[in-house]
């Protein structure tokens, strides 16, 4: 088979396993090899079909990051903002994949650098957000935040969320940040439970550098979580920088409905009374 498609499947959901079997059989019938993560190195996959929730999509983005493979998600989770379709639409997803009937949309990512006081440096990346979180439940962390090399404020807090527009509906939203349409070129900085007058969410340019310093006087160290999946320790005295990622994530879009419709559907928002242009 000359064509191959990655199947990334939630590891424990029975419905995901059942759907994966149906998808794999149909792909084979169409002359396309279904590939699983363990065999990815031996194949040049053209697309990843992801069966699960946003966590499964984030995993698929990890394993295909160097390949620039577009992802199409079939939601088997709860809200599933990254997913393109629901499970009852899986047959249509396969048909569209076979026919290459989709549009690839590039989404911003973040590149994250953590510089520790001992001179060590660790780097990672994120699709949704990099969150700086206290590592002791009973203590807050003391941080200084800065934009483009200039200090902006200092306060005690539970953490700071640094997010993309895609991640604005994830952790940043839960922390009180704004919903940002995914085609907006911007980045967000959202303090969580900050003890300060000026601790509002910030929206900055995509060319900016966002920074968080865990102050040496902080009551505890911090952990930097990238998409809630990759952890970097940040003891007091650490400096965290976040910039626009050099490598975007690619999502295969099957639907042309505006983001507004997705927001209403995912959050079950009431729109009765809306008259539009009438």
Protein backbone atom coordinates (compact mmCIF):
# COMPACT_ATOMS: atom_id res chain seq x y z
CA UNK A 1 0.00 0.00 0.00
CA UNK A 2 1.53 3.30 -1.08
CA UNK A 3 -0.59 5.50 1.17
CA UNK A 4 -0.63 5.34 4.95
CA UNK A 5 -2.57 7.11 7.71
CA UNK A 6 -1.74 7.15 11.41
CA UNK A 7 -4.44 5.98 13.82
CA UNK A 8 -3.95 7.53 17.25
CA UNK A 9 -6.41 5.95 19.67
CA UNK A 10 -7.31 6.62 23.29
CA UNK A 11 -5.66 3.69 25.11
CA UNK A 12 -8.46 2.80 27.53
CA UNK A 13 -11.80 3.81 26.02
CA UNK A 14 -13.58 0.72 24.58
CA UNK A 15 -15.54 2.88 22.13
CA UNK A 16 -12.26 4.27 20.79
CA UNK A 17 -10.89 0.77 20.23
CA UNK A 18 -14.09 -0.28 18.46
CA UNK A 19 -14.07 2.81 16.25
CA UNK A 20 -10.39 2.26 15.45
CA UNK A 21 -11.08 -1.25 14.23
CA UNK A 22 -13.81 0.01 11.90
CA UNK A 23 -11.58 2.82 10.61
CA UNK A 24 -8.65 0.47 10.04
CA UNK A 25 -10.78 -2.01 8.10
CA UNK A 26 -12.20 0.72 5.87
CA UNK A 27 -8.75 2.21 5.21
CA UNK A 28 -7.43 -1.20 4.17
CA UNK A 29 -10.44 -1.68 1.91
CA UNK A 30 -9.53 1.60 0.23
CA UNK A 31 -5.90 0.54 -0.21
CA UNK A 32 -4.52 2.69 2.60
CA UNK A 33 -2.34 1.25 5.35
CA UNK A 34 -3.51 2.09 8.91
CA UNK A 35 -0.40 2.77 11.00
CA UNK A 36 -0.12 2.78 14.78
CA UNK A 37 2.30 4.81 16.86
CA UNK A 38 4.73 1.95 17.48
CA UNK A 39 5.21 1.47 13.73
CA UNK A 40 5.32 5.15 12.77
CA UNK A 41 9.06 5.21 12.08
CA UNK A 42 8.61 2.86 9.12
CA UNK A 43 5.95 4.92 7.35
CA UNK A 44 5.48 8.31 5.74
CA UNK A 45 1.96 9.04 6.93
CA UNK A 46 -0.08 11.70 5.14
CA UNK A 47 -2.62 12.28 7.94
CA UNK A 48 -3.37 11.28 11.52
CA UNK A 49 -6.91 10.27 12.45
CA UNK A 50 -7.24 10.69 16.21
CA UNK A 51 -9.95 8.84 18.16
CA UNK A 52 -10.31 10.23 21.67
CA UNK A 53 -10.39 13.60 23.39
CA UNK A 54 -8.07 16.58 23.34
CA UNK A 55 -5.47 14.64 25.34
CA UNK A 56 -5.24 12.04 22.59
CA UNK A 57 -4.87 14.80 20.00
CA UNK A 58 -2.06 16.35 22.04
CA UNK A 59 -0.34 12.95 22.11
CA UNK A 60 -0.72 12.66 18.34
CA UNK A 61 0.85 16.10 17.96
CA UNK A 62 3.83 14.91 20.02
CA UNK A 63 4.51 11.80 17.96
CA UNK A 64 4.09 13.58 14.60
CA UNK A 65 5.80 16.87 15.50
CA UNK A 66 8.88 16.32 13.33
CA UNK A 67 6.79 15.09 10.39
CA UNK A 68 4.47 18.10 9.91
CA UNK A 69 1.54 15.66 9.71
CA UNK A 70 -1.95 17.19 9.81
CA UNK A 71 -4.29 15.85 12.50
CA UNK A 72 -8.04 15.29 12.36
CA UNK A 73 -9.70 14.54 15.68
CA UNK A 74 -12.84 12.49 16.28
CA UNK A 75 -14.14 13.48 19.71
CA UNK A 76 -14.77 10.69 22.20
CA UNK A 77 -14.09 12.90 25.22
CA UNK A 78 -16.08 15.70 26.83
CA UNK A 79 -15.70 19.15 25.28
CA UNK A 80 -13.00 18.26 22.75
CA UNK A 81 -12.19 21.72 21.34
CA UNK A 82 -9.35 20.40 19.18
CA UNK A 83 -11.50 17.68 17.63
CA UNK A 84 -13.01 18.28 14.21
CA UNK A 85 -15.85 15.74 14.34
CA UNK A 86 -17.96 13.71 16.75
CA UNK A 87 -17.90 9.92 16.91
CA UNK A 88 -21.13 9.51 14.93
CA UNK A 89 -19.38 11.22 12.00
CA UNK A 90 -16.42 8.84 11.89
CA UNK A 91 -17.48 7.25 8.57
CA UNK A 92 -17.49 10.68 6.92
CA UNK A 93 -14.07 11.42 8.41
CA UNK A 94 -12.66 8.27 6.80
CA UNK A 95 -14.28 9.08 3.46
CA UNK A 96 -12.89 12.61 3.48
CA UNK A 97 -9.45 11.30 4.48
CA UNK A 98 -9.48 8.77 1.64
CA UNK A 99 -10.48 11.47 -0.86
CA UNK A 100 -8.04 13.99 0.68
CA UNK A 101 -11.05 16.28 1.02
CA UNK A 102 -9.87 18.56 3.80
CA UNK A 103 -8.11 21.86 4.36
CA UNK A 104 -5.02 22.09 6.54
CA UNK A 105 -5.11 24.90 9.11
CA UNK A 106 -1.96 25.94 10.94
CA UNK A 107 -2.24 26.89 14.60
CA UNK A 108 0.30 28.77 16.69
CA UNK A 109 2.39 26.89 19.21
CA UNK A 110 4.70 28.08 22.00
CA UNK A 111 8.42 27.49 22.49
CA UNK A 112 9.32 27.36 26.18
CA UNK A 113 12.75 27.89 27.78
CA UNK A 114 13.42 27.41 31.49
CA UNK A 115 16.76 28.75 32.76
CA UNK A 116 17.60 27.64 36.31
CA UNK A 117 19.89 29.43 38.79
CA UNK A 118 22.42 26.57 38.57
CA UNK A 119 22.95 27.38 34.89
CA UNK A 120 20.99 24.47 33.45
CA UNK A 121 18.53 25.17 30.65
CA UNK A 122 15.60 23.02 29.56
CA UNK A 123 13.31 23.56 26.57
CA UNK A 124 9.90 22.32 25.52
CA UNK A 125 6.86 23.40 23.50
CA UNK A 126 3.09 23.59 23.78
CA UNK A 127 -0.03 23.78 21.64
CA UNK A 128 -2.40 25.07 24.33
CA UNK A 129 -0.34 26.53 27.15
CA UNK A 130 2.71 26.52 29.35
CA UNK A 131 1.60 26.81 32.97
CA UNK A 132 3.91 27.87 35.78
CA UNK A 133 2.49 26.18 38.88
CA UNK A 134 3.48 26.09 42.54
CA UNK A 135 4.94 22.75 43.59
CA UNK A 136 3.75 22.93 47.21
CA UNK A 137 -0.01 22.85 47.72
CA UNK A 138 -0.02 24.95 50.89
CA UNK A 139 2.30 27.69 49.62
CA UNK A 140 2.06 30.23 46.85
CA UNK A 141 4.94 31.26 44.63
CA UNK A 142 6.37 34.75 44.32
CA UNK A 143 6.84 35.71 40.67
CA UNK A 144 7.78 38.64 38.50
CA UNK A 145 6.27 38.86 35.03
CA UNK A 146 7.72 40.72 32.08
CA UNK A 147 7.02 41.37 28.42
CA UNK A 148 9.70 41.98 25.79
CA UNK A 149 12.49 42.21 28.32
CA UNK A 150 10.73 44.74 30.56
CA UNK A 151 9.42 44.01 34.03
CA UNK A 152 5.67 44.47 34.39
CA UNK A 153 4.57 43.33 37.86
CA UNK A 154 5.47 41.21 40.88
CA UNK A 155 3.03 39.23 43.02
CA UNK A 156 2.33 36.06 44.91
CA UNK A 157 0.08 33.56 43.15
CA UNK A 158 -0.78 29.93 42.54
CA UNK A 159 0.68 30.18 39.05
CA UNK A 160 0.73 31.84 35.64
CA UNK A 161 -0.73 30.46 32.41
CA UNK A 162 0.92 31.41 29.11
CA UNK A 163 -1.33 30.38 26.25
CA UNK A 164 -2.00 30.39 22.53
CA UNK A 165 -5.40 31.35 21.06
CA UNK A 166 -6.04 27.62 20.69
CA UNK A 167 -5.35 27.22 24.42
CA UNK A 168 -7.59 30.14 25.37
CA UNK A 169 -10.49 27.69 25.80
CA UNK A 170 -8.43 25.30 27.94
CA UNK A 171 -6.54 26.08 31.18
CA UNK A 172 -6.40 29.82 30.43
CA UNK A 173 -10.20 29.94 30.23
CA UNK A 174 -10.54 28.13 33.57
CA UNK A 175 -8.14 30.67 35.11
CA UNK A 176 -10.34 33.58 33.99
CA UNK A 177 -8.70 34.42 30.67
CA UNK A 178 -10.54 35.59 27.55
CA UNK A 179 -11.69 33.36 24.72
CA UNK A 180 -9.56 34.24 21.68
CA UNK A 181 -10.60 33.21 18.18
CA UNK A 182 -8.02 30.74 16.80
CA UNK A 183 -7.17 32.84 13.75
CA UNK A 184 -6.10 35.77 15.96
CA UNK A 185 -2.33 36.22 16.06
CA UNK A 186 -1.65 36.75 19.76
CA UNK A 187 -0.48 35.16 22.99
CA UNK A 188 -2.01 35.28 26.47
CA UNK A 189 -0.62 35.64 29.99
CA UNK A 190 -3.13 34.79 32.74
CA UNK A 191 -2.19 34.89 36.46
CA UNK A 192 -4.04 32.40 38.69
CA UNK A 193 -5.17 33.37 42.20
CA UNK A 194 -2.80 36.33 42.27
CA UNK A 195 -2.49 38.51 45.39
CA UNK A 196 -2.22 41.80 43.49
CA UNK A 197 -4.31 44.67 42.22
CA UNK A 198 -2.80 44.47 38.72
CA UNK A 199 -3.11 40.80 37.86
CA UNK A 200 -5.46 40.86 34.90
CA UNK A 201 -5.14 38.62 31.83
CA UNK A 202 -2.85 40.11 29.18
CA UNK A 203 -3.03 39.69 25.40
CA UNK A 204 0.28 40.40 23.67
CA UNK A 205 1.66 40.41 20.14
CA UNK A 206 2.78 37.14 18.55
CA UNK A 207 6.25 38.68 18.20
CA UNK A 208 6.50 39.34 21.94
CA UNK A 209 8.49 37.45 24.55
CA UNK A 210 6.54 36.59 27.71
CA UNK A 211 8.59 35.91 30.83
CA UNK A 212 7.96 34.67 34.34
CA UNK A 213 10.64 34.71 37.03
CA UNK A 214 10.26 32.54 40.13
CA UNK A 215 11.78 34.94 42.62
CA UNK A 216 14.58 33.77 44.87
CA UNK A 217 12.49 34.83 47.87
CA UNK A 218 9.60 32.64 46.74
CA UNK A 219 8.08 30.42 49.40
CA UNK A 220 8.41 27.41 47.11
CA UNK A 221 9.65 26.39 43.71
CA UNK A 222 7.50 25.87 40.64
CA UNK A 223 6.84 23.38 37.91
CA UNK A 224 6.33 24.33 34.28
CA UNK A 225 3.78 22.10 32.56
CA UNK A 226 3.52 22.17 28.77
CA UNK A 227 0.00 21.16 27.72
CA UNK A 228 -0.26 19.36 31.07
CA UNK A 229 1.96 16.62 29.60
CA UNK A 230 5.63 17.63 29.84
CA UNK A 231 7.04 18.90 33.14
CA UNK A 232 10.09 21.05 33.81
CA UNK A 233 11.18 21.85 37.37
CA UNK A 234 11.71 25.57 38.05
CA UNK A 235 13.22 26.18 41.50
CA UNK A 236 13.38 29.68 43.04
CA UNK A 237 15.56 31.89 40.87
CA UNK A 238 14.39 30.32 37.60
CA UNK A 239 13.56 32.38 34.53
CA UNK A 240 10.89 31.11 32.12
CA UNK A 241 10.58 32.57 28.62
CA UNK A 242 7.79 31.81 26.19
CA UNK A 243 7.72 32.87 22.54
CA UNK A 244 5.74 31.93 19.46
CA UNK A 245 6.69 28.43 18.41
CA UNK A 246 8.84 27.95 15.33
CA UNK A 247 6.76 24.93 14.31
CA UNK A 248 2.96 25.25 14.13
CA UNK A 249 0.55 22.37 14.65
CA UNK A 250 -1.48 21.39 11.59
CA UNK A 251 -5.15 20.53 11.92
CA UNK A 252 -7.13 19.02 9.05
CA UNK A 253 -10.42 20.89 8.81
CA UNK A 254 -13.49 19.19 7.37
CA UNK A 255 -16.07 21.84 8.23
CA UNK A 256 -16.26 25.50 7.28
CA UNK A 257 -18.54 26.59 10.13
CA UNK A 258 -17.20 29.62 12.04
CA UNK A 259 -15.58 29.31 15.45
CA UNK A 260 -18.65 30.98 16.98
CA UNK A 261 -20.72 27.89 16.15
CA UNK A 262 -18.12 25.61 17.70
CA UNK A 263 -18.07 27.72 20.87
CA UNK A 264 -21.87 27.61 21.17
CA UNK A 265 -21.96 23.85 20.58
CA UNK A 266 -19.10 22.87 22.87
CA UNK A 267 -20.27 25.01 25.81
CA UNK A 268 -23.97 24.54 25.09
CA UNK A 269 -24.44 28.32 25.16
CA UNK A 270 -27.99 29.75 25.11
CA UNK A 271 -28.65 31.74 21.94
CA UNK A 272 -32.45 31.95 22.06
CA UNK A 273 -33.50 35.50 21.29
CA UNK A 274 -30.66 36.12 18.85
CA UNK A 275 -32.18 37.69 15.73
CA UNK A 276 -29.06 38.28 13.66
CA UNK A 277 -29.65 40.57 10.72
CA UNK A 278 -33.42 40.15 10.69
